[in-house]
N, C-alpha and C. Protein backbone atom coordinates (compact mmCIF):
# COMPACT_ATOMS: atom_id res chain seq x y z
N UNK A 1 -40.01 9.92 68.51
CA UNK A 1 -39.38 10.84 67.59
C UNK A 1 -38.07 10.27 67.08
N UNK A 2 -37.37 9.64 68.00
CA UNK A 2 -36.10 9.05 67.64
C UNK A 2 -36.29 7.90 66.67
N UNK A 3 -37.35 7.10 66.87
CA UNK A 3 -37.65 5.99 65.97
C UNK A 3 -38.02 6.49 64.59
N UNK A 4 -38.75 7.59 64.61
CA UNK A 4 -39.17 8.17 63.34
C UNK A 4 -37.95 8.64 62.54
N UNK A 5 -37.05 9.26 63.19
CA UNK A 5 -35.84 9.74 62.55
C UNK A 5 -35.00 8.57 62.05
N UNK A 6 -34.93 7.47 62.81
CA UNK A 6 -34.21 6.28 62.39
C UNK A 6 -34.87 5.63 61.18
N UNK A 7 -36.21 5.59 61.18
CA UNK A 7 -36.95 5.00 60.06
C UNK A 7 -36.73 5.83 58.80
N UNK A 8 -36.79 7.14 58.96
CA UNK A 8 -36.55 8.04 57.82
C UNK A 8 -35.15 7.83 57.27
N UNK A 9 -34.19 7.67 58.16
CA UNK A 9 -32.81 7.42 57.76
C UNK A 9 -32.71 6.11 56.97
N UNK A 10 -33.36 5.06 57.43
CA UNK A 10 -33.33 3.76 56.75
C UNK A 10 -33.99 3.84 55.37
N UNK A 11 -35.10 4.56 55.29
CA UNK A 11 -35.80 4.73 54.00
C UNK A 11 -34.90 5.49 53.03
N UNK A 12 -34.28 6.56 53.52
CA UNK A 12 -33.38 7.35 52.68
C UNK A 12 -32.18 6.51 52.25
N UNK A 13 -31.64 5.75 53.19
CA UNK A 13 -30.50 4.88 52.89
C UNK A 13 -30.89 3.84 51.84
N UNK A 14 -32.07 3.25 51.98
CA UNK A 14 -32.56 2.25 51.01
C UNK A 14 -32.72 2.89 49.63
N UNK A 15 -33.27 4.09 49.58
CA UNK A 15 -33.48 4.78 48.30
C UNK A 15 -32.14 5.10 47.64
N UNK A 16 -31.18 5.55 48.44
CA UNK A 16 -29.85 5.86 47.89
C UNK A 16 -29.14 4.60 47.42
N UNK A 17 -29.30 3.52 48.14
CA UNK A 17 -28.70 2.25 47.76
C UNK A 17 -29.28 1.79 46.43
N UNK A 18 -30.59 1.90 46.26
CA UNK A 18 -31.23 1.52 45.00
C UNK A 18 -30.76 2.41 43.86
N UNK A 19 -30.64 3.70 44.16
CA UNK A 19 -30.17 4.64 43.15
C UNK A 19 -28.72 4.31 42.75
N UNK A 20 -27.89 4.00 43.72
CA UNK A 20 -26.51 3.61 43.42
C UNK A 20 -26.45 2.33 42.59
N UNK A 21 -27.31 1.38 42.90
CA UNK A 21 -27.37 0.14 42.13
C UNK A 21 -27.79 0.41 40.70
N UNK A 22 -28.79 1.29 40.50
CA UNK A 22 -29.22 1.67 39.14
C UNK A 22 -28.06 2.34 38.38
N UNK A 23 -27.34 3.20 39.08
CA UNK A 23 -26.20 3.88 38.44
C UNK A 23 -25.09 2.88 38.09
N UNK A 24 -24.85 1.91 38.97
CA UNK A 24 -23.84 0.89 38.72
C UNK A 24 -24.21 0.07 37.49
N UNK A 25 -25.48 -0.32 37.40
CA UNK A 25 -25.95 -1.08 36.24
C UNK A 25 -25.84 -0.24 34.97
N UNK A 26 -26.25 1.03 35.06
CA UNK A 26 -26.15 1.92 33.90
C UNK A 26 -24.69 2.08 33.47
N UNK A 27 -23.80 2.21 34.43
CA UNK A 27 -22.37 2.35 34.11
C UNK A 27 -21.85 1.07 33.45
N UNK A 28 -22.28 -0.09 33.95
CA UNK A 28 -21.85 -1.35 33.36
C UNK A 28 -22.36 -1.48 31.92
N UNK A 29 -23.61 -1.08 31.70
CA UNK A 29 -24.18 -1.12 30.34
C UNK A 29 -23.41 -0.17 29.43
N UNK A 30 -23.15 1.03 29.90
CA UNK A 30 -22.41 2.01 29.09
C UNK A 30 -20.99 1.51 28.79
N UNK A 31 -20.37 0.89 29.78
CA UNK A 31 -19.03 0.35 29.57
C UNK A 31 -19.07 -0.76 28.51
N UNK A 32 -20.06 -1.62 28.60
CA UNK A 32 -20.20 -2.71 27.62
C UNK A 32 -20.43 -2.14 26.22
N UNK A 33 -21.28 -1.13 26.13
CA UNK A 33 -21.54 -0.51 24.82
C UNK A 33 -20.26 0.14 24.28
N UNK A 34 -19.57 0.83 25.17
CA UNK A 34 -18.34 1.49 24.78
C UNK A 34 -17.31 0.47 24.32
N UNK A 35 -17.16 -0.62 25.08
CA UNK A 35 -16.23 -1.68 24.70
C UNK A 35 -16.62 -2.29 23.36
N UNK A 36 -17.91 -2.49 23.18
CA UNK A 36 -18.40 -3.08 21.93
C UNK A 36 -18.10 -2.16 20.75
N UNK A 37 -18.09 -0.88 21.02
CA UNK A 37 -17.79 0.08 19.96
C UNK A 37 -16.29 0.23 19.75
N UNK A 38 -15.54 0.23 20.84
CA UNK A 38 -14.10 0.50 20.76
C UNK A 38 -13.31 -0.72 20.30
N UNK A 39 -13.63 -1.89 20.79
CA UNK A 39 -12.84 -3.08 20.51
C UNK A 39 -12.73 -3.38 19.01
N UNK A 40 -13.83 -3.33 18.24
CA UNK A 40 -13.67 -3.56 16.79
C UNK A 40 -12.79 -2.50 16.13
N UNK A 41 -12.94 -1.25 16.57
CA UNK A 41 -12.10 -0.19 16.01
C UNK A 41 -10.65 -0.42 16.37
N UNK A 42 -10.41 -0.81 17.61
CA UNK A 42 -9.05 -1.08 18.06
C UNK A 42 -8.47 -2.25 17.26
N UNK A 43 -9.26 -3.28 17.06
CA UNK A 43 -8.81 -4.44 16.28
C UNK A 43 -8.48 -4.03 14.84
N UNK A 44 -9.31 -3.19 14.27
CA UNK A 44 -9.07 -2.72 12.91
C UNK A 44 -7.78 -1.90 12.85
N UNK A 45 -7.55 -1.09 13.85
CA UNK A 45 -6.33 -0.27 13.90
C UNK A 45 -5.10 -1.17 14.02
N UNK A 46 -5.18 -2.17 14.88
CA UNK A 46 -4.07 -3.11 15.05
C UNK A 46 -3.80 -3.85 13.73
N UNK A 47 -4.86 -4.29 13.07
CA UNK A 47 -4.70 -4.99 11.79
C UNK A 47 -4.09 -4.08 10.73
N UNK A 48 -4.54 -2.84 10.68
CA UNK A 48 -4.01 -1.87 9.72
C UNK A 48 -2.53 -1.59 10.01
N UNK A 49 -2.19 -1.47 11.28
CA UNK A 49 -0.79 -1.26 11.65
C UNK A 49 0.07 -2.44 11.20
N UNK A 50 -0.43 -3.65 11.35
CA UNK A 50 0.30 -4.84 10.92
C UNK A 50 0.49 -4.82 9.40
N UNK A 51 -0.58 -4.46 8.68
CA UNK A 51 -0.47 -4.37 7.21
C UNK A 51 0.55 -3.31 6.80
N UNK A 52 0.53 -2.18 7.50
CA UNK A 52 1.47 -1.10 7.17
C UNK A 52 2.91 -1.50 7.48
N UNK A 53 3.11 -2.22 8.60
CA UNK A 53 4.46 -2.70 8.92
C UNK A 53 4.96 -3.66 7.85
N UNK A 54 4.07 -4.54 7.37
CA UNK A 54 4.44 -5.49 6.33
C UNK A 54 4.76 -4.75 5.03
N UNK A 55 3.95 -3.78 4.71
CA UNK A 55 4.18 -3.00 3.48
C UNK A 55 5.50 -2.24 3.58
N UNK A 56 5.76 -1.68 4.77
CA UNK A 56 7.01 -0.96 4.97
C UNK A 56 8.21 -1.89 4.79
N UNK A 57 8.12 -3.10 5.32
CA UNK A 57 9.20 -4.07 5.18
C UNK A 57 9.43 -4.40 3.70
N UNK A 58 8.34 -4.57 2.95
CA UNK A 58 8.46 -4.85 1.51
C UNK A 58 9.09 -3.67 0.77
N UNK A 59 8.67 -2.47 1.12
CA UNK A 59 9.23 -1.27 0.48
C UNK A 59 10.70 -1.10 0.83
N UNK A 60 11.06 -1.39 2.08
CA UNK A 60 12.47 -1.31 2.47
C UNK A 60 13.31 -2.31 1.67
N UNK A 61 12.77 -3.51 1.48
CA UNK A 61 13.47 -4.53 0.70
C UNK A 61 13.62 -4.08 -0.75
N UNK A 62 12.55 -3.53 -1.29
CA UNK A 62 12.58 -3.03 -2.68
C UNK A 62 13.60 -1.91 -2.83
N UNK A 63 13.63 -0.99 -1.86
CA UNK A 63 14.59 0.11 -1.90
C UNK A 63 16.01 -0.41 -1.78
N UNK A 64 16.19 -1.43 -0.97
CA UNK A 64 17.52 -2.03 -0.82
C UNK A 64 17.98 -2.63 -2.15
N UNK A 65 17.08 -3.34 -2.82
CA UNK A 65 17.42 -3.93 -4.13
C UNK A 65 17.72 -2.83 -5.15
N UNK A 66 16.92 -1.76 -5.13
CA UNK A 66 17.16 -0.65 -6.06
C UNK A 66 18.50 0.02 -5.78
N UNK A 67 18.83 0.18 -4.51
CA UNK A 67 20.12 0.79 -4.15
C UNK A 67 21.27 -0.08 -4.63
N UNK A 68 21.13 -1.39 -4.46
CA UNK A 68 22.17 -2.32 -4.93
C UNK A 68 22.29 -2.24 -6.45
N UNK A 69 21.17 -2.18 -7.13
CA UNK A 69 21.18 -2.06 -8.58
C UNK A 69 21.83 -0.74 -9.01
N UNK A 70 21.52 0.32 -8.30
CA UNK A 70 22.10 1.63 -8.60
C UNK A 70 23.61 1.60 -8.41
N UNK A 71 24.07 0.95 -7.33
CA UNK A 71 25.52 0.84 -7.12
C UNK A 71 26.17 0.09 -8.29
N UNK A 72 25.51 -0.97 -8.76
CA UNK A 72 26.02 -1.71 -9.91
C UNK A 72 26.07 -0.84 -11.16
N UNK A 73 25.03 -0.07 -11.38
CA UNK A 73 24.97 0.81 -12.55
C UNK A 73 26.05 1.89 -12.46
N UNK A 74 26.26 2.43 -11.26
CA UNK A 74 27.30 3.45 -11.08
C UNK A 74 28.68 2.86 -11.38
N UNK A 75 28.88 1.63 -10.95
CA UNK A 75 30.16 0.95 -11.22
C UNK A 75 30.34 0.74 -12.72
N UNK A 76 29.28 0.32 -13.39
CA UNK A 76 29.34 0.12 -14.84
C UNK A 76 29.63 1.44 -15.55
N UNK A 77 28.95 2.49 -15.14
CA UNK A 77 29.16 3.81 -15.75
C UNK A 77 30.61 4.28 -15.54
N UNK A 78 31.11 4.06 -14.34
CA UNK A 78 32.49 4.45 -14.05
C UNK A 78 33.46 3.68 -14.95
N UNK A 79 33.22 2.38 -15.10
CA UNK A 79 34.06 1.57 -15.99
C UNK A 79 33.99 2.04 -17.43
N UNK A 80 32.79 2.37 -17.88
CA UNK A 80 32.62 2.86 -19.26
C UNK A 80 33.32 4.19 -19.45
N UNK A 81 33.27 5.06 -18.44
CA UNK A 81 33.96 6.36 -18.54
C UNK A 81 35.47 6.14 -18.65
N UNK A 82 35.96 5.21 -17.84
CA UNK A 82 37.40 4.91 -17.91
C UNK A 82 37.77 4.38 -19.29
N UNK A 83 36.95 3.46 -19.84
CA UNK A 83 37.21 2.92 -21.18
C UNK A 83 37.16 4.03 -22.23
N UNK A 84 36.19 4.93 -22.09
CA UNK A 84 36.05 6.04 -23.04
C UNK A 84 37.27 6.95 -22.98
N UNK A 85 37.71 7.26 -21.77
CA UNK A 85 38.89 8.12 -21.63
C UNK A 85 40.12 7.44 -22.23
N UNK A 86 40.24 6.15 -21.98
CA UNK A 86 41.37 5.40 -22.52
C UNK A 86 41.31 5.39 -24.05
N UNK A 87 40.11 5.15 -24.59
CA UNK A 87 39.94 5.15 -26.05
C UNK A 87 40.27 6.52 -26.64
N UNK A 88 39.85 7.57 -25.98
CA UNK A 88 40.16 8.93 -26.47
C UNK A 88 41.67 9.15 -26.49
N UNK A 89 42.32 8.74 -25.41
CA UNK A 89 43.78 8.92 -25.37
C UNK A 89 44.45 8.13 -26.49
N UNK A 90 43.94 6.91 -26.72
CA UNK A 90 44.50 6.08 -27.80
C UNK A 90 44.27 6.74 -29.15
N UNK A 91 43.07 7.23 -29.36
CA UNK A 91 42.76 7.87 -30.64
C UNK A 91 43.57 9.15 -30.82
N UNK A 92 43.70 9.91 -29.75
CA UNK A 92 44.47 11.15 -29.86
C UNK A 92 45.93 10.83 -30.18
N UNK A 93 46.46 9.79 -29.54
CA UNK A 93 47.85 9.39 -29.81
C UNK A 93 48.01 8.88 -31.22
N UNK A 94 47.05 8.07 -31.68
CA UNK A 94 47.14 7.51 -33.02
C UNK A 94 46.89 8.59 -34.06
N UNK A 95 46.05 9.56 -33.80
CA UNK A 95 45.81 10.65 -34.74
C UNK A 95 47.06 11.49 -34.90
N UNK A 96 47.75 11.70 -33.80
CA UNK A 96 48.96 12.50 -33.87
C UNK A 96 50.03 11.77 -34.70
N UNK A 97 50.06 10.43 -34.61
CA UNK A 97 51.03 9.67 -35.38
C UNK A 97 50.67 9.61 -36.86
N UNK A 98 49.38 9.45 -37.16
CA UNK A 98 48.96 9.28 -38.55
C UNK A 98 48.66 10.58 -39.25
N UNK A 99 48.45 11.62 -38.54
CA UNK A 99 48.14 12.90 -39.18
C UNK A 99 49.03 13.98 -38.55
N UNK A 100 50.22 14.05 -38.95
CA UNK A 100 51.13 15.01 -38.33
C UNK A 100 50.72 16.46 -38.54
N UNK A 101 49.91 16.72 -39.55
CA UNK A 101 49.46 18.09 -39.79
C UNK A 101 48.49 18.60 -38.71
N UNK A 102 47.88 17.65 -37.94
CA UNK A 102 46.95 18.08 -36.89
C UNK A 102 47.69 18.38 -35.60
N UNK A 103 48.92 17.90 -35.48
CA UNK A 103 49.68 18.17 -34.26
C UNK A 103 50.25 19.55 -34.34
N UNK A 104 50.12 20.31 -33.34
CA UNK A 104 50.61 21.68 -33.43
C UNK A 104 51.75 21.90 -32.46
């Protein structure tokens, strides 16, 4: 009886070992399939991130140039306003001298 119980135990152990081996192989296959599916997607995401970083750098450079250009334009506008104000003062002074009837 004891031998029978030991034999049954060995048969059960062998069956479980085979089942575990089948599960291990199935898990390895599933992992390989998953990796095969994920790795190209991951590579595409990494490549897209690199492209976006490059595009961002280009846009930052473009914005920097535009900001510099804007500062130059603001300086030019300020200079022109000063010239206009000076010209107005000159004209107002000269009008008062040449047209005394307009001075009140």
